[in-house]
Amino acid sequence: MLDLILFALISVSALFGLIRGLIGVLASMVAWLLAGWAAFRFGGTVALQFVDGPQPTATELFGGYALCFLAVLVFVGVVGWVVRRLVHGIGLSGVDRLLGGALGALRGVFVACVLLLLLGFTHVPQEVAWQRSQLVPLLLPGAQWLRGWLPEWAAAQADFGNGTRAGDNRRQIDLPIPLDEGVPQTDSPSS
């Protein structure tokens, strides 16, 4: 079941990337990132415009953050739509869609790695479905790399169930690349 969820997550992301194209996927990612940044950076200032008293209420503060977020999201979305129309107008829609599918698949792999990282904070890695999974060993290095970005106290709480290979619960995973400092590496399997 876990493999089915991970595969569906990656496949749906790749399909959306294929449908929207590279320009659409990039515009969407940029829109969300810029909207989040603008909300955190300017949301409080915008909230002050709604204030009748010395400090904004929770509703006014939320309104300021939401207004910043939505304004940037809509603006960048419109710019992305115009650029996408231009790309399709010059006949590059096939290449755009193919590259969008590839970027969508990468986005799906990233989200799947984040999901594995979050599941590492639960009991799921000790479940049989995790230990027999065919996809977990492929995505686990990404989840371990992401764990290295967490504060030490949080990273110590993530347990990936000793990183066993699918179908062979006695051997550790060999990681093909060294991980960042602060991320525990598994030992080589002994034969």
N, C-alpha and C. Protein backbone atom coordinates (compact mmCIF):
# COMPACT_ATOMS: atom_id res chain seq x y z
N MET A 1 0.82 -1.19 0.00
CA MET A 1 0.00 0.00 0.00
C MET A 1 0.87 1.26 0.00
N LEU A 2 1.96 1.24 0.76
CA LEU A 2 2.86 2.39 0.82
C LEU A 2 3.47 2.66 -0.55
N ASP A 3 3.88 1.59 -1.24
CA ASP A 3 4.43 1.76 -2.59
C ASP A 3 3.40 2.37 -3.53
N LEU A 4 2.16 1.95 -3.40
CA LEU A 4 1.09 2.48 -4.25
C LEU A 4 0.90 3.98 -4.01
N ILE A 5 0.93 4.39 -2.75
CA ILE A 5 0.78 5.81 -2.42
C ILE A 5 1.95 6.62 -2.97
N LEU A 6 3.17 6.13 -2.76
CA LEU A 6 4.35 6.85 -3.25
C LEU A 6 4.36 6.92 -4.78
N PHE A 7 4.04 5.81 -5.43
CA PHE A 7 4.00 5.79 -6.89
C PHE A 7 2.93 6.73 -7.42
N ALA A 8 1.76 6.73 -6.80
CA ALA A 8 0.68 7.62 -7.22
C ALA A 8 1.08 9.08 -7.04
N LEU A 9 1.73 9.39 -5.95
CA LEU A 9 2.18 10.76 -5.69
C LEU A 9 3.13 11.24 -6.78
N ILE A 10 4.11 10.43 -7.11
CA ILE A 10 5.08 10.80 -8.14
C ILE A 10 4.41 10.86 -9.52
N SER A 11 3.56 9.89 -9.81
CA SER A 11 2.89 9.84 -11.12
C SER A 11 1.94 11.01 -11.33
N VAL A 12 1.17 11.35 -10.32
CA VAL A 12 0.22 12.47 -10.44
C VAL A 12 0.98 13.78 -10.62
N SER A 13 2.07 13.94 -9.89
CA SER A 13 2.88 15.16 -10.05
C SER A 13 3.47 15.24 -11.46
N ALA A 14 3.95 14.11 -11.97
CA ALA A 14 4.50 14.08 -13.33
C ALA A 14 3.40 14.36 -14.36
N LEU A 15 2.22 13.81 -14.14
CA LEU A 15 1.10 14.05 -15.06
C LEU A 15 0.70 15.52 -15.07
N PHE A 16 0.60 16.13 -13.90
CA PHE A 16 0.28 17.56 -13.85
C PHE A 16 1.37 18.38 -14.52
N GLY A 17 2.63 17.99 -14.33
CA GLY A 17 3.72 18.68 -15.01
C GLY A 17 3.63 18.54 -16.51
N LEU A 18 3.25 17.36 -16.97
CA LEU A 18 3.09 17.12 -18.41
C LEU A 18 1.95 17.95 -18.98
N ILE A 19 0.87 18.06 -18.24
CA ILE A 19 -0.29 18.84 -18.69
C ILE A 19 0.02 20.33 -18.70
N ARG A 20 0.65 20.82 -17.65
CA ARG A 20 0.89 22.26 -17.51
C ARG A 20 2.12 22.72 -18.28
N GLY A 21 3.08 21.84 -18.48
CA GLY A 21 4.31 22.22 -19.17
C GLY A 21 5.32 22.84 -18.22
N LEU A 22 6.55 22.95 -18.69
CA LEU A 22 7.64 23.47 -17.87
C LEU A 22 7.35 24.90 -17.41
N ILE A 23 6.90 25.74 -18.33
CA ILE A 23 6.63 27.13 -17.98
C ILE A 23 5.54 27.21 -16.92
N GLY A 24 4.49 26.42 -17.07
CA GLY A 24 3.41 26.41 -16.10
C GLY A 24 3.86 25.94 -14.73
N VAL A 25 4.67 24.86 -14.70
CA VAL A 25 5.15 24.33 -13.43
C VAL A 25 6.09 25.33 -12.76
N LEU A 26 7.01 25.89 -13.54
CA LEU A 26 7.94 26.88 -12.97
C LEU A 26 7.19 28.12 -12.47
N ALA A 27 6.24 28.60 -13.26
CA ALA A 27 5.46 29.77 -12.84
C ALA A 27 4.70 29.48 -11.56
N SER A 28 4.15 28.29 -11.46
CA SER A 28 3.41 27.92 -10.25
C SER A 28 4.33 27.86 -9.04
N MET A 29 5.50 27.22 -9.20
CA MET A 29 6.44 27.12 -8.09
C MET A 29 6.94 28.50 -7.67
N VAL A 30 7.28 29.33 -8.64
CA VAL A 30 7.75 30.69 -8.33
C VAL A 30 6.63 31.49 -7.66
N ALA A 31 5.41 31.34 -8.15
CA ALA A 31 4.28 32.07 -7.57
C ALA A 31 4.09 31.71 -6.10
N TRP A 32 4.11 30.43 -5.78
CA TRP A 32 3.92 30.01 -4.40
C TRP A 32 5.07 30.47 -3.51
N LEU A 33 6.31 30.33 -4.01
CA LEU A 33 7.46 30.76 -3.20
C LEU A 33 7.46 32.26 -2.98
N LEU A 34 7.24 33.03 -4.04
CA LEU A 34 7.21 34.49 -3.90
C LEU A 34 6.03 34.95 -3.05
N ALA A 35 4.89 34.30 -3.20
CA ALA A 35 3.72 34.67 -2.41
C ALA A 35 3.98 34.41 -0.93
N GLY A 36 4.59 33.28 -0.61
CA GLY A 36 4.93 32.99 0.78
C GLY A 36 5.93 33.98 1.34
N TRP A 37 6.95 34.29 0.55
CA TRP A 37 7.95 35.27 0.98
C TRP A 37 7.31 36.64 1.20
N ALA A 38 6.48 37.07 0.25
CA ALA A 38 5.85 38.39 0.36
C ALA A 38 4.92 38.46 1.56
N ALA A 39 4.20 37.38 1.83
CA ALA A 39 3.31 37.37 2.98
C ALA A 39 4.10 37.52 4.28
N PHE A 40 5.19 36.77 4.41
CA PHE A 40 5.99 36.88 5.63
C PHE A 40 6.71 38.21 5.73
N ARG A 41 7.13 38.73 4.61
CA ARG A 41 7.90 39.98 4.60
C ARG A 41 7.02 41.22 4.77
N PHE A 42 5.87 41.25 4.09
CA PHE A 42 5.06 42.47 4.06
C PHE A 42 3.68 42.32 4.70
N GLY A 43 3.31 41.12 5.13
CA GLY A 43 1.98 40.90 5.69
C GLY A 43 1.68 41.77 6.90
N GLY A 44 2.64 41.90 7.80
CA GLY A 44 2.44 42.74 8.98
C GLY A 44 2.26 44.20 8.62
N THR A 45 3.03 44.67 7.65
CA THR A 45 2.92 46.07 7.20
C THR A 45 1.56 46.32 6.57
N VAL A 46 1.10 45.39 5.75
CA VAL A 46 -0.21 45.54 5.12
C VAL A 46 -1.31 45.50 6.19
N ALA A 47 -1.14 44.64 7.20
CA ALA A 47 -2.14 44.56 8.27
C ALA A 47 -2.27 45.89 9.00
N LEU A 48 -1.19 46.64 9.12
CA LEU A 48 -1.25 47.94 9.79
C LEU A 48 -2.15 48.92 9.04
N GLN A 49 -2.38 48.70 7.75
CA GLN A 49 -3.26 49.57 6.97
C GLN A 49 -4.73 49.38 7.36
N PHE A 50 -5.06 48.25 7.96
CA PHE A 50 -6.43 47.95 8.36
C PHE A 50 -6.72 48.35 9.80
N VAL A 51 -5.72 48.83 10.52
CA VAL A 51 -5.81 49.04 11.97
C VAL A 51 -6.54 50.34 12.31
N ASP A 52 -7.44 50.25 13.29
CA ASP A 52 -8.06 51.43 13.86
C ASP A 52 -7.33 51.84 15.14
N GLY A 53 -6.71 50.87 15.81
CA GLY A 53 -6.01 51.14 17.06
C GLY A 53 -4.51 51.05 16.88
N PRO A 54 -3.79 50.89 18.00
CA PRO A 54 -2.32 50.87 17.93
C PRO A 54 -1.74 49.59 17.32
N GLN A 55 -2.45 48.47 17.48
CA GLN A 55 -1.95 47.20 16.95
C GLN A 55 -3.07 46.49 16.21
N PRO A 56 -2.71 45.72 15.18
CA PRO A 56 -3.75 44.98 14.45
C PRO A 56 -4.29 43.82 15.29
N THR A 57 -5.56 43.53 15.10
CA THR A 57 -6.15 42.36 15.73
C THR A 57 -5.69 41.12 14.96
N ALA A 58 -6.03 39.97 15.47
CA ALA A 58 -5.65 38.73 14.78
C ALA A 58 -6.29 38.66 13.39
N THR A 59 -7.52 39.12 13.28
CA THR A 59 -8.21 39.11 11.99
C THR A 59 -7.54 40.05 11.01
N GLU A 60 -7.17 41.25 11.47
CA GLU A 60 -6.50 42.20 10.60
C GLU A 60 -5.12 41.69 10.18
N LEU A 61 -4.43 41.05 11.11
CA LEU A 61 -3.12 40.48 10.81
C LEU A 61 -3.25 39.37 9.77
N PHE A 62 -4.22 38.49 9.98
CA PHE A 62 -4.46 37.42 9.00
C PHE A 62 -4.82 38.01 7.64
N GLY A 63 -5.66 39.04 7.65
CA GLY A 63 -6.05 39.69 6.40
C GLY A 63 -4.86 40.28 5.66
N GLY A 64 -3.93 40.89 6.39
CA GLY A 64 -2.73 41.46 5.77
C GLY A 64 -1.87 40.39 5.12
N TYR A 65 -1.65 39.30 5.84
CA TYR A 65 -0.85 38.20 5.29
C TYR A 65 -1.55 37.57 4.09
N ALA A 66 -2.86 37.33 4.22
CA ALA A 66 -3.62 36.70 3.13
C ALA A 66 -3.65 37.60 1.89
N LEU A 67 -3.83 38.90 2.09
CA LEU A 67 -3.88 39.82 0.96
C LEU A 67 -2.54 39.84 0.21
N CYS A 68 -1.44 39.91 0.95
CA CYS A 68 -0.11 39.87 0.31
C CYS A 68 0.07 38.57 -0.46
N PHE A 69 -0.26 37.47 0.17
CA PHE A 69 -0.08 36.16 -0.45
C PHE A 69 -0.89 36.06 -1.74
N LEU A 70 -2.17 36.39 -1.67
CA LEU A 70 -3.04 36.25 -2.84
C LEU A 70 -2.67 37.22 -3.95
N ALA A 71 -2.29 38.45 -3.60
CA ALA A 71 -1.94 39.43 -4.63
C ALA A 71 -0.73 38.96 -5.44
N VAL A 72 0.30 38.48 -4.75
CA VAL A 72 1.50 38.01 -5.45
C VAL A 72 1.20 36.74 -6.22
N LEU A 73 0.42 35.84 -5.65
CA LEU A 73 0.06 34.60 -6.32
C LEU A 73 -0.68 34.87 -7.63
N VAL A 74 -1.63 35.78 -7.60
CA VAL A 74 -2.39 36.11 -8.81
C VAL A 74 -1.50 36.82 -9.83
N PHE A 75 -0.69 37.77 -9.39
CA PHE A 75 0.17 38.51 -10.31
C PHE A 75 1.14 37.59 -11.03
N VAL A 76 1.86 36.75 -10.28
CA VAL A 76 2.83 35.85 -10.91
C VAL A 76 2.10 34.81 -11.75
N GLY A 77 0.92 34.38 -11.34
CA GLY A 77 0.14 33.44 -12.14
C GLY A 77 -0.24 34.02 -13.49
N VAL A 78 -0.63 35.29 -13.52
CA VAL A 78 -0.98 35.95 -14.78
C VAL A 78 0.25 36.08 -15.67
N VAL A 79 1.38 36.47 -15.09
CA VAL A 79 2.63 36.58 -15.87
C VAL A 79 3.00 35.21 -16.44
N GLY A 80 2.89 34.17 -15.64
CA GLY A 80 3.18 32.81 -16.11
C GLY A 80 2.26 32.39 -17.23
N TRP A 81 0.99 32.75 -17.14
CA TRP A 81 0.03 32.41 -18.19
C TRP A 81 0.40 33.10 -19.50
N VAL A 82 0.80 34.37 -19.42
CA VAL A 82 1.20 35.11 -20.63
C VAL A 82 2.44 34.47 -21.26
N VAL A 83 3.42 34.13 -20.44
CA VAL A 83 4.65 33.50 -20.96
C VAL A 83 4.32 32.14 -21.58
N ARG A 84 3.44 31.40 -20.95
CA ARG A 84 3.05 30.09 -21.49
C ARG A 84 2.35 30.24 -22.84
N ARG A 85 1.51 31.23 -22.98
CA ARG A 85 0.85 31.50 -24.27
C ARG A 85 1.89 31.85 -25.33
N LEU A 86 2.90 32.62 -24.97
CA LEU A 86 3.96 32.98 -25.93
C LEU A 86 4.74 31.75 -26.37
N VAL A 87 5.08 30.88 -25.42
CA VAL A 87 5.83 29.66 -25.74
C VAL A 87 5.01 28.76 -26.66
N HIS A 88 3.75 28.63 -26.39
CA HIS A 88 2.89 27.79 -27.24
C HIS A 88 2.69 28.44 -28.60
N GLY A 89 2.70 29.77 -28.63
CA GLY A 89 2.52 30.49 -29.89
C GLY A 89 3.67 30.30 -30.86
N ILE A 90 4.89 30.06 -30.34
CA ILE A 90 6.03 29.87 -31.24
C ILE A 90 6.30 28.39 -31.52
N GLY A 91 5.40 27.52 -31.07
CA GLY A 91 5.49 26.11 -31.44
C GLY A 91 6.36 25.24 -30.55
N LEU A 92 6.61 25.64 -29.33
CA LEU A 92 7.43 24.84 -28.43
C LEU A 92 6.60 24.11 -27.38
N SER A 93 5.33 23.91 -27.64
CA SER A 93 4.47 23.31 -26.62
C SER A 93 4.86 21.86 -26.32
N GLY A 94 5.31 21.09 -27.32
CA GLY A 94 5.70 19.70 -27.08
C GLY A 94 6.91 19.60 -26.16
N VAL A 95 7.92 20.40 -26.43
CA VAL A 95 9.12 20.41 -25.59
C VAL A 95 8.76 20.92 -24.20
N ASP A 96 7.93 21.95 -24.14
CA ASP A 96 7.50 22.52 -22.87
C ASP A 96 6.79 21.47 -22.03
N ARG A 97 5.92 20.70 -22.64
CA ARG A 97 5.18 19.67 -21.90
C ARG A 97 6.10 18.53 -21.45
N LEU A 98 7.02 18.12 -22.31
CA LEU A 98 7.94 17.05 -21.95
C LEU A 98 8.81 17.46 -20.76
N LEU A 99 9.38 18.66 -20.83
CA LEU A 99 10.20 19.15 -19.72
C LEU A 99 9.36 19.37 -18.46
N GLY A 100 8.10 19.78 -18.65
CA GLY A 100 7.19 19.93 -17.51
C GLY A 100 6.93 18.60 -16.83
N GLY A 101 6.78 17.54 -17.62
CA GLY A 101 6.60 16.21 -17.05
C GLY A 101 7.81 15.77 -16.25
N ALA A 102 9.01 16.05 -16.77
CA ALA A 102 10.23 15.69 -16.05
C ALA A 102 10.34 16.47 -14.74
N LEU A 103 10.07 17.77 -14.80
CA LEU A 103 10.12 18.57 -13.58
C LEU A 103 9.03 18.15 -12.61
N GLY A 104 7.87 17.79 -13.13
CA GLY A 104 6.79 17.29 -12.27
C GLY A 104 7.18 16.00 -11.57
N ALA A 105 7.88 15.11 -12.28
CA ALA A 105 8.34 13.87 -11.67
C ALA A 105 9.36 14.16 -10.57
N LEU A 106 10.28 15.09 -10.82
CA LEU A 106 11.24 15.47 -9.78
C LEU A 106 10.54 16.07 -8.57
N ARG A 107 9.54 16.90 -8.82
CA ARG A 107 8.77 17.48 -7.72
C ARG A 107 8.08 16.37 -6.93
N GLY A 108 7.54 15.37 -7.63
CA GLY A 108 6.89 14.26 -6.97
C GLY A 108 7.85 13.45 -6.11
N VAL A 109 9.06 13.24 -6.61
CA VAL A 109 10.08 12.53 -5.83
C VAL A 109 10.42 13.33 -4.58
N PHE A 110 10.57 14.64 -4.72
CA PHE A 110 10.87 15.49 -3.57
C PHE A 110 9.75 15.41 -2.53
N VAL A 111 8.51 15.50 -2.97
CA VAL A 111 7.37 15.43 -2.04
C VAL A 111 7.32 14.05 -1.39
N ALA A 112 7.62 13.00 -2.14
CA ALA A 112 7.64 11.65 -1.57
C ALA A 112 8.73 11.53 -0.51
N CYS A 113 9.89 12.15 -0.75
CA CYS A 113 10.96 12.14 0.26
C CYS A 113 10.54 12.91 1.51
N VAL A 114 9.84 14.02 1.33
CA VAL A 114 9.32 14.77 2.48
C VAL A 114 8.32 13.91 3.24
N LEU A 115 7.47 13.18 2.52
CA LEU A 115 6.51 12.29 3.16
C LEU A 115 7.22 11.21 3.97
N LEU A 116 8.28 10.61 3.41
CA LEU A 116 9.04 9.60 4.15
C LEU A 116 9.68 10.21 5.39
N LEU A 117 10.19 11.44 5.26
CA LEU A 117 10.77 12.12 6.42
C LEU A 117 9.72 12.28 7.51
N LEU A 118 8.54 12.74 7.14
CA LEU A 118 7.47 12.93 8.12
C LEU A 118 7.03 11.59 8.73
N LEU A 119 6.98 10.55 7.91
CA LEU A 119 6.63 9.23 8.42
C LEU A 119 7.69 8.70 9.38
N GLY A 120 8.93 9.18 9.23
CA GLY A 120 10.00 8.79 10.15
C GLY A 120 9.75 9.24 11.58
N PHE A 121 8.84 10.17 11.78
CA PHE A 121 8.48 10.63 13.12
C PHE A 121 7.31 9.83 13.70
N THR A 122 6.86 8.82 12.97
CA THR A 122 5.75 7.98 13.42
C THR A 122 6.25 6.55 13.61
N HIS A 123 5.34 5.65 13.85
CA HIS A 123 5.68 4.23 13.98
C HIS A 123 5.71 3.49 12.64
N VAL A 124 5.37 4.16 11.55
CA VAL A 124 5.25 3.52 10.23
C VAL A 124 6.53 2.79 9.80
N PRO A 125 7.75 3.32 10.04
CA PRO A 125 8.94 2.58 9.60
C PRO A 125 9.10 1.19 10.23
N GLN A 126 8.41 0.92 11.31
CA GLN A 126 8.47 -0.41 11.91
C GLN A 126 7.40 -1.35 11.34
N GLU A 127 6.53 -0.81 10.50
CA GLU A 127 5.46 -1.61 9.89
C GLU A 127 6.02 -2.51 8.79
N VAL A 128 5.33 -3.60 8.53
CA VAL A 128 5.74 -4.55 7.50
C VAL A 128 5.70 -3.90 6.12
N ALA A 129 4.72 -3.04 5.87
CA ALA A 129 4.61 -2.39 4.55
C ALA A 129 5.85 -1.55 4.25
N TRP A 130 6.39 -0.87 5.24
CA TRP A 130 7.61 -0.07 5.06
C TRP A 130 8.79 -0.99 4.77
N GLN A 131 8.92 -2.05 5.54
CA GLN A 131 10.07 -2.94 5.41
C GLN A 131 10.05 -3.74 4.11
N ARG A 132 8.89 -3.98 3.54
CA ARG A 132 8.79 -4.72 2.28
C ARG A 132 8.65 -3.82 1.07
N SER A 133 8.65 -2.53 1.28
CA SER A 133 8.46 -1.58 0.19
C SER A 133 9.60 -1.66 -0.82
N GLN A 134 9.24 -1.52 -2.09
CA GLN A 134 10.24 -1.46 -3.16
C GLN A 134 10.71 -0.03 -3.40
N LEU A 135 9.88 0.97 -3.08
CA LEU A 135 10.23 2.36 -3.34
C LEU A 135 10.92 3.04 -2.17
N VAL A 136 10.64 2.62 -0.95
CA VAL A 136 11.27 3.27 0.21
C VAL A 136 12.79 3.25 0.12
N PRO A 137 13.43 2.12 -0.23
CA PRO A 137 14.90 2.15 -0.32
C PRO A 137 15.43 3.12 -1.37
N LEU A 138 14.65 3.36 -2.42
CA LEU A 138 15.08 4.29 -3.46
C LEU A 138 14.94 5.74 -3.01
N LEU A 139 13.93 6.02 -2.19
CA LEU A 139 13.66 7.39 -1.75
C LEU A 139 14.30 7.72 -0.41
N LEU A 140 14.71 6.70 0.33
CA LEU A 140 15.26 6.91 1.67
C LEU A 140 16.48 7.82 1.70
N PRO A 141 17.43 7.72 0.76
CA PRO A 141 18.56 8.67 0.79
C PRO A 141 18.10 10.13 0.72
N GLY A 142 17.06 10.40 -0.04
CA GLY A 142 16.53 11.77 -0.11
C GLY A 142 15.93 12.20 1.22
N ALA A 143 15.20 11.30 1.87
CA ALA A 143 14.62 11.62 3.17
C ALA A 143 15.71 11.82 4.22
N GLN A 144 16.77 11.01 4.14
CA GLN A 144 17.88 11.17 5.08
C GLN A 144 18.61 12.49 4.83
N TRP A 145 18.75 12.88 3.58
CA TRP A 145 19.37 14.16 3.27
C TRP A 145 18.52 15.30 3.82
N LEU A 146 17.21 15.22 3.65
CA LEU A 146 16.32 16.25 4.19
C LEU A 146 16.40 16.31 5.71
N ARG A 147 16.56 15.15 6.35
CA ARG A 147 16.68 15.11 7.81
C ARG A 147 17.89 15.91 8.26
N GLY A 148 18.93 15.96 7.43
CA GLY A 148 20.12 16.73 7.77
C GLY A 148 19.87 18.23 7.85
N TRP A 149 18.77 18.71 7.27
CA TRP A 149 18.43 20.13 7.31
C TRP A 149 17.63 20.49 8.56
N LEU A 150 17.20 19.48 9.30
CA LEU A 150 16.42 19.73 10.52
C LEU A 150 17.36 20.09 11.67
N PRO A 151 16.84 20.77 12.68
CA PRO A 151 17.65 20.98 13.89
C PRO A 151 18.02 19.62 14.49
N GLU A 152 19.15 19.55 15.17
CA GLU A 152 19.63 18.27 15.69
C GLU A 152 18.61 17.57 16.57
N TRP A 153 17.93 18.34 17.43
CA TRP A 153 16.96 17.73 18.34
C TRP A 153 15.80 17.11 17.57
N ALA A 154 15.43 17.70 16.44
CA ALA A 154 14.34 17.15 15.63
C ALA A 154 14.83 15.97 14.79
N ALA A 155 16.02 16.10 14.21
CA ALA A 155 16.57 15.03 13.38
C ALA A 155 16.74 13.75 14.19
N ALA A 156 17.08 13.89 15.47
CA ALA A 156 17.27 12.72 16.31
C ALA A 156 15.97 11.95 16.53
N GLN A 157 14.84 12.60 16.35
CA GLN A 157 13.54 11.95 16.55
C GLN A 157 13.09 11.13 15.35
N ALA A 158 13.67 11.39 14.18
CA ALA A 158 13.26 10.68 12.96
C ALA A 158 13.95 9.33 12.90
N ASP A 159 13.17 8.27 12.84
CA ASP A 159 13.70 6.92 12.77
C ASP A 159 13.17 6.27 11.50
N PHE A 160 14.09 5.84 10.63
CA PHE A 160 13.69 5.24 9.37
C PHE A 160 13.70 3.72 9.42
N GLY A 161 13.68 3.15 10.59
CA GLY A 161 13.59 1.70 10.71
C GLY A 161 14.81 0.99 10.18
N ASN A 162 15.98 1.47 10.42
CA ASN A 162 17.31 0.97 10.06
C ASN A 162 17.56 0.87 8.56
N GLY A 163 16.69 1.42 7.73
CA GLY A 163 16.96 1.51 6.29
C GLY A 163 17.17 0.18 5.61
N THR A 164 16.36 -0.80 5.91
CA THR A 164 16.55 -2.11 5.30
C THR A 164 16.08 -2.12 3.86
N ARG A 165 16.71 -2.99 3.09
CA ARG A 165 16.32 -3.15 1.69
C ARG A 165 15.00 -3.91 1.61
N ALA A 166 14.26 -3.64 0.57
CA ALA A 166 13.01 -4.35 0.36
C ALA A 166 13.29 -5.84 0.17
N GLY A 167 12.57 -6.67 0.89
CA GLY A 167 12.72 -8.11 0.76
C GLY A 167 13.93 -8.68 1.49
N ASP A 168 14.80 -7.86 2.03
CA ASP A 168 15.98 -8.33 2.74
C ASP A 168 16.13 -7.49 3.99
N ASN A 169 15.48 -7.90 5.04
CA ASN A 169 15.44 -7.10 6.25
C ASN A 169 16.64 -7.32 7.16
N ARG A 170 17.68 -7.99 6.67
CA ARG A 170 18.87 -8.20 7.48
C ARG A 170 20.01 -7.30 7.08
N ARG A 171 19.93 -6.64 5.90
CA ARG A 171 21.06 -5.87 5.40
C ARG A 171 20.75 -4.38 5.41
N GLN A 172 21.79 -3.59 5.61
CA GLN A 172 21.66 -2.13 5.57
C GLN A 172 21.77 -1.65 4.13
N ILE A 173 21.25 -0.46 3.88
CA ILE A 173 21.33 0.15 2.55
C ILE A 173 22.71 0.77 2.36
N ASP A 174 23.32 0.52 1.20
CA ASP A 174 24.54 1.23 0.82
C ASP A 174 24.12 2.52 0.14
N LEU A 175 24.58 3.64 0.65
CA LEU A 175 24.25 4.91 0.01
C LEU A 175 25.32 5.23 -1.01
N PRO A 176 24.92 5.53 -2.26
CA PRO A 176 25.90 5.77 -3.32
C PRO A 176 26.63 7.09 -3.17
N ILE A 177 26.07 8.03 -2.42
CA ILE A 177 26.72 9.33 -2.24
C ILE A 177 26.81 9.62 -0.75
N PRO A 178 27.86 10.32 -0.33
CA PRO A 178 27.95 10.67 1.09
C PRO A 178 26.89 11.70 1.44
N LEU A 179 26.37 11.58 2.62
CA LEU A 179 25.36 12.52 3.08
C LEU A 179 26.04 13.67 3.81
N ASP A 180 25.31 14.77 3.97
CA ASP A 180 25.84 15.93 4.69
C ASP A 180 26.16 15.56 6.13
N GLU A 181 27.01 16.35 6.74
CA GLU A 181 27.34 16.13 8.14
C GLU A 181 26.09 16.24 8.97
N GLY A 182 26.05 15.51 10.04
CA GLY A 182 24.91 15.55 10.92
C GLY A 182 23.84 14.53 10.56
N VAL A 183 23.99 13.87 9.43
CA VAL A 183 23.03 12.85 9.02
C VAL A 183 23.71 11.51 9.19
N PRO A 184 23.16 10.63 10.02
CA PRO A 184 23.81 9.34 10.23
C PRO A 184 23.84 8.53 8.94
N GLN A 185 24.99 7.92 8.68
CA GLN A 185 25.14 7.07 7.51
C GLN A 185 25.06 5.62 7.95
N THR A 186 24.56 4.76 7.07
CA THR A 186 24.47 3.35 7.39
C THR A 186 25.79 2.67 7.06
N ASP A 187 26.06 1.59 7.74
CA ASP A 187 27.29 0.83 7.48
C ASP A 187 27.08 -0.05 6.27
N SER A 188 28.18 -0.46 5.65
CA SER A 188 28.11 -1.38 4.51
C SER A 188 27.61 -2.73 4.99
N PRO A 189 26.84 -3.44 4.17
CA PRO A 189 26.35 -4.75 4.59
C PRO A 189 27.49 -5.76 4.61
N SER A 190 27.41 -6.65 5.57
CA SER A 190 28.42 -7.71 5.62
C SER A 190 27.81 -8.97 5.03
N SER A 191 28.54 -9.59 4.16
CA SER A 191 28.02 -10.78 3.47
C SER A 191 28.48 -12.02 4.14
